[in-house]
N, C-alpha and C. Protein backbone atom coordinates (compact mmCIF):
# COMPACT_ATOMS: atom_id res chain seq x y z
N UNK A 1 57.57 22.59 -44.48
CA UNK A 1 56.64 23.00 -45.11
C UNK A 1 55.64 24.16 -44.23
N UNK A 2 54.80 24.68 -44.64
CA UNK A 2 53.58 25.55 -44.11
C UNK A 2 53.00 25.18 -42.92
N UNK A 3 52.89 25.29 -41.96
CA UNK A 3 51.76 24.64 -40.89
C UNK A 3 50.68 25.79 -40.66
N UNK A 4 49.68 25.78 -40.76
CA UNK A 4 48.49 27.03 -40.12
C UNK A 4 47.95 26.07 -38.97
N UNK A 5 47.46 27.13 -38.19
CA UNK A 5 46.89 26.41 -36.35
C UNK A 5 45.55 27.56 -36.54
N UNK A 6 44.24 26.55 -36.01
CA UNK A 6 42.93 27.06 -35.88
C UNK A 6 42.52 26.41 -34.64
N UNK A 7 42.98 27.57 -33.29
CA UNK A 7 42.82 27.24 -31.79
C UNK A 7 41.65 27.63 -31.60
N UNK A 8 40.44 26.99 -31.21
CA UNK A 8 39.13 27.93 -30.58
C UNK A 8 39.03 27.71 -29.39
N UNK A 9 39.39 28.99 -28.34
CA UNK A 9 38.87 28.75 -27.06
C UNK A 9 37.65 29.17 -26.57
N UNK A 10 37.11 28.61 -25.90
CA UNK A 10 35.43 28.49 -25.42
C UNK A 10 35.98 29.04 -23.83
N UNK A 11 35.93 30.33 -23.12
CA UNK A 11 35.98 30.46 -22.09
C UNK A 11 34.66 30.34 -21.14
N UNK A 12 34.69 29.80 -19.49
CA UNK A 12 33.65 29.48 -19.02
C UNK A 12 33.26 30.99 -19.29
N UNK A 13 31.89 30.90 -18.83
CA UNK A 13 31.29 32.23 -18.45
C UNK A 13 31.76 33.43 -17.25
N UNK A 14 32.31 32.71 -16.25
CA UNK A 14 32.86 33.43 -15.32
C UNK A 14 34.40 33.79 -15.35
N UNK A 15 34.65 33.09 -16.67
CA UNK A 15 36.66 33.82 -16.63
C UNK A 15 36.46 34.45 -17.99
N UNK A 16 35.22 35.03 -19.27
CA UNK A 16 35.48 35.30 -20.05
C UNK A 16 36.42 36.51 -20.16
N UNK A 17 36.62 37.26 -18.65
CA UNK A 17 37.05 38.53 -18.74
C UNK A 17 38.76 38.41 -18.77
N UNK A 18 38.89 37.19 -18.03
CA UNK A 18 40.49 36.78 -17.88
C UNK A 18 41.01 36.20 -18.73
N UNK A 19 39.82 35.39 -19.93
CA UNK A 19 40.66 34.54 -20.80
C UNK A 19 41.17 35.97 -21.76
N UNK A 20 40.11 36.82 -22.01
CA UNK A 20 40.28 38.14 -22.81
C UNK A 20 41.45 38.64 -22.87
N UNK A 21 41.86 38.68 -21.30
CA UNK A 21 42.83 39.73 -21.36
C UNK A 21 44.22 38.59 -21.86
N UNK A 22 44.60 37.10 -21.36
CA UNK A 22 45.00 36.44 -21.54
C UNK A 22 45.50 36.45 -22.99
N UNK A 23 44.49 36.10 -23.89
CA UNK A 23 44.61 35.97 -25.39
C UNK A 23 44.78 37.42 -26.14
N UNK A 24 44.90 38.52 -25.81
CA UNK A 24 44.85 39.86 -26.44
C UNK A 24 47.03 39.75 -25.46
N UNK A 25 47.22 39.07 -24.60
CA UNK A 25 48.63 39.52 -24.05
C UNK A 25 49.64 38.76 -25.06
N UNK A 26 48.97 37.81 -25.24
CA UNK A 26 50.01 36.54 -26.15
C UNK A 26 50.69 37.05 -27.52
N UNK A 27 49.48 37.62 -28.00
CA UNK A 27 50.00 38.47 -29.80
C UNK A 27 51.05 39.34 -30.21
N UNK A 28 51.45 39.76 -29.49
CA UNK A 28 52.65 40.63 -29.78
C UNK A 28 53.90 39.86 -30.03
N UNK A 29 54.16 39.39 -28.67
CA UNK A 29 55.24 38.14 -28.42
C UNK A 29 55.32 37.16 -29.81
N UNK A 30 54.57 36.66 -30.49
CA UNK A 30 54.08 35.37 -30.79
C UNK A 30 54.05 36.06 -32.31
N UNK A 31 54.00 37.12 -32.76
CA UNK A 31 54.08 37.56 -33.71
C UNK A 31 55.51 38.06 -33.92
N UNK A 32 56.39 38.05 -32.96
CA UNK A 32 57.35 38.81 -33.16
C UNK A 32 58.77 37.57 -33.54
N UNK A 33 58.05 36.51 -33.53
CA UNK A 33 58.68 35.20 -33.08
C UNK A 33 59.46 34.62 -34.73
N UNK A 34 60.24 33.92 -34.89
CA UNK A 34 61.45 33.97 -35.96
C UNK A 34 60.33 32.86 -36.41
N UNK A 35 59.81 32.77 -37.79
CA UNK A 35 58.95 31.47 -38.58
C UNK A 35 57.68 31.75 -38.16
N UNK A 36 57.07 33.20 -37.53
CA UNK A 36 55.64 33.00 -37.59
C UNK A 36 55.39 34.24 -39.23
N UNK A 37 54.34 33.69 -39.71
CA UNK A 37 53.79 34.47 -40.48
C UNK A 37 52.88 35.24 -40.38
N UNK A 38 51.75 34.36 -39.50
CA UNK A 38 50.09 35.41 -39.41
C UNK A 38 50.15 34.86 -38.02
N UNK A 39 49.49 35.78 -37.31
CA UNK A 39 49.02 35.24 -35.73
C UNK A 39 48.14 36.17 -35.30
N UNK A 40 46.64 35.98 -35.71
CA UNK A 40 45.73 36.61 -35.64
C UNK A 40 44.56 36.44 -34.43
N UNK A 41 43.88 37.08 -33.92
CA UNK A 41 43.14 36.91 -33.09
C UNK A 41 41.47 36.63 -33.14
N UNK A 42 40.51 36.43 -33.17
CA UNK A 42 39.27 36.76 -33.75
C UNK A 42 38.41 35.97 -32.18
N UNK A 43 37.14 36.81 -32.55
CA UNK A 43 36.22 35.99 -31.62
C UNK A 43 34.97 35.91 -32.09
N UNK A 44 34.18 34.69 -31.55
CA UNK A 44 32.74 34.54 -32.68
C UNK A 44 31.80 35.49 -32.20
N UNK A 45 31.14 35.60 -33.44
CA UNK A 45 30.22 36.70 -33.02
C UNK A 45 28.79 36.58 -32.36
N UNK A 46 28.72 34.97 -32.36
CA UNK A 46 27.21 34.45 -31.94
C UNK A 46 27.54 34.05 -30.53
N UNK A 47 28.87 33.94 -30.12
CA UNK A 47 28.97 32.96 -28.85
C UNK A 47 29.84 33.59 -28.04
N UNK A 48 29.44 34.31 -26.85
CA UNK A 48 30.47 35.41 -25.80
C UNK A 48 31.68 34.61 -25.56
N UNK A 49 32.53 35.01 -25.14
CA UNK A 49 33.77 33.88 -24.80
C UNK A 49 34.05 32.87 -25.48
N UNK A 50 34.21 32.93 -26.58
CA UNK A 50 34.63 32.22 -28.00
C UNK A 50 35.53 32.89 -28.33
N UNK A 51 36.97 32.69 -28.94
CA UNK A 51 38.58 32.98 -29.43
C UNK A 51 38.80 32.02 -30.35
N UNK A 52 38.73 32.47 -31.29
CA UNK A 52 39.92 31.68 -32.21
C UNK A 52 41.10 32.62 -32.60
N UNK A 53 41.84 31.78 -32.48
CA UNK A 53 43.26 32.22 -33.52
C UNK A 53 43.91 31.53 -34.48
N UNK A 54 43.90 32.38 -35.77
CA UNK A 54 44.64 31.88 -37.20
C UNK A 54 46.20 32.09 -36.98
N UNK A 55 46.52 30.99 -36.88
CA UNK A 55 47.70 31.07 -37.05
C UNK A 55 48.37 30.88 -38.50
N UNK A 56 49.94 31.09 -39.16
CA UNK A 56 50.97 30.69 -39.91
C UNK A 56 51.76 30.66 -39.33
N UNK A 57 52.83 29.21 -39.68
CA UNK A 57 54.46 28.97 -39.32
C UNK A 57 54.97 28.91 -40.47
N UNK A 58 56.05 29.01 -40.51
CA UNK A 58 56.81 28.70 -41.72
C UNK A 58 56.85 27.00 -41.62
N UNK A 59 57.01 26.67 -40.42
CA UNK A 59 57.78 25.25 -40.65
C UNK A 59 57.19 24.53 -39.09
N UNK A 60 56.92 23.16 -38.83
CA UNK A 60 56.57 22.25 -37.59
C UNK A 60 57.58 22.56 -36.39
N UNK A 61 59.06 22.73 -36.85
CA UNK A 61 59.76 23.57 -36.30
C UNK A 61 59.54 24.71 -35.51
N UNK A 62 58.92 25.97 -36.16
CA UNK A 62 58.78 26.87 -35.63
C UNK A 62 57.64 27.13 -34.82
N UNK A 63 56.76 26.02 -35.11
CA UNK A 63 55.35 26.19 -33.91
C UNK A 63 55.97 25.35 -33.00
N UNK A 64 56.85 24.21 -33.09
CA UNK A 64 57.33 24.07 -32.30
C UNK A 64 58.03 24.85 -30.41
N UNK A 65 59.09 25.52 -31.31
CA UNK A 65 59.53 26.55 -30.66
C UNK A 65 58.65 27.32 -30.00
N UNK A 66 57.55 28.06 -30.68
CA UNK A 66 56.59 29.14 -29.83
C UNK A 66 56.17 28.15 -28.90
N UNK A 67 55.36 27.09 -29.23
CA UNK A 67 55.15 26.46 -27.95
C UNK A 67 55.78 26.21 -26.84
N UNK A 68 56.77 26.32 -27.16
CA UNK A 68 58.08 26.28 -25.79
C UNK A 68 58.34 27.42 -25.27
N UNK A 69 57.64 28.47 -25.88
CA UNK A 69 58.17 29.74 -25.26
C UNK A 69 58.26 29.97 -23.91
N UNK A 70 58.42 30.68 -23.41
CA UNK A 70 58.11 31.68 -21.90
C UNK A 70 56.65 32.10 -21.95
N UNK A 71 56.44 32.80 -23.01
CA UNK A 71 54.93 33.97 -23.09
C UNK A 71 54.09 32.83 -23.65
N UNK A 72 54.70 31.86 -24.33
CA UNK A 72 53.61 31.09 -24.37
C UNK A 72 53.20 30.02 -23.19
N UNK A 73 54.66 29.35 -22.64
CA UNK A 73 53.71 28.69 -21.40
C UNK A 73 53.06 29.81 -20.58
N UNK A 74 53.18 30.76 -20.20
CA UNK A 74 52.44 31.81 -19.09
C UNK A 74 50.98 32.16 -19.65
N UNK A 75 50.98 31.67 -20.99
CA UNK A 75 49.51 31.77 -21.42
C UNK A 75 49.01 30.98 -21.08
N UNK A 76 49.68 29.65 -21.19
CA UNK A 76 48.71 27.97 -21.07
C UNK A 76 48.41 28.51 -19.01
N UNK A 77 49.56 28.91 -18.77
CA UNK A 77 49.21 28.90 -17.20
C UNK A 77 47.70 30.05 -16.70
N UNK A 78 47.71 30.84 -17.74
CA UNK A 78 47.33 32.09 -17.40
C UNK A 78 45.41 31.00 -17.75
N UNK A 79 45.25 30.57 -18.39
CA UNK A 79 43.84 30.29 -19.26
C UNK A 79 43.73 28.83 -18.34
N UNK A 80 44.46 28.40 -17.92
CA UNK A 80 44.44 26.79 -16.84
C UNK A 80 43.06 26.64 -15.99
N UNK A 81 42.00 26.07 -16.48
CA UNK A 81 40.93 25.70 -15.85
C UNK A 81 39.87 26.72 -15.92
N UNK A 82 40.24 27.82 -16.75
CA UNK A 82 39.26 28.70 -17.27
C UNK A 82 38.53 28.38 -18.71
N UNK A 83 38.31 27.36 -19.28
CA UNK A 83 37.74 26.91 -20.37
C UNK A 83 37.08 26.08 -20.09
N UNK A 84 36.18 26.23 -20.83
CA UNK A 84 34.88 25.16 -21.00
C UNK A 84 35.63 24.48 -21.96
N UNK A 85 36.29 24.80 -23.59
CA UNK A 85 36.86 23.69 -24.54
C UNK A 85 37.88 24.55 -24.93
N UNK A 86 38.46 23.42 -25.65
CA UNK A 86 39.89 24.19 -26.48
C UNK A 86 40.23 23.01 -27.82
N UNK A 87 40.11 23.62 -28.82
CA UNK A 87 40.39 22.91 -30.24
C UNK A 87 41.00 23.41 -30.71
N UNK A 88 41.97 22.72 -31.11
CA UNK A 88 43.45 22.80 -31.48
C UNK A 88 42.98 22.30 -33.10
N UNK A 89 43.61 22.63 -34.38
CA UNK A 89 43.44 22.28 -35.43
C UNK A 89 45.14 22.47 -36.37
N UNK A 90 45.60 21.79 -36.27
CA UNK A 90 47.32 22.10 -37.57
C UNK A 90 46.73 21.54 -38.67
N UNK A 91 47.45 22.82 -39.75
CA UNK A 91 46.52 22.15 -41.46
C UNK A 91 47.48 22.74 -42.03
N UNK A 92 47.63 22.02 -43.06
CA UNK A 92 48.62 22.12 -44.20
C UNK A 92 47.93 22.60 -45.57
N UNK A 93 47.77 23.37 -46.34
CA UNK A 93 47.08 24.37 -47.29
C UNK A 93 47.43 23.01 -48.64
N UNK A 94 46.00 22.91 -49.18
CA UNK A 94 46.13 21.73 -50.14
C UNK A 94 45.64 22.10 -51.53
N UNK A 95 45.01 23.25 -51.75
CA UNK A 95 44.45 24.13 -52.78
C UNK A 95 44.60 25.31 -52.32
């Protein structure tokens, strides 16, 4: 079953540049993973430092493998302590 993820990251004001660099660095490696169907990054227009990932994965297993990759774990380390908030939603398309 396909899994969709919407992950919203709000960088601390003093960390916006660091988080911006980190979110851009993870894109290419994630898009190349087996089971990745979409991995897009957005920024919120009215809220500086807010980054939103829209992801589609072929299965929960593919998402679990992504979360265990070296590049994803490096990303987690890069943003540690630099966010005001993090909201991750896993979704299933129903219509």
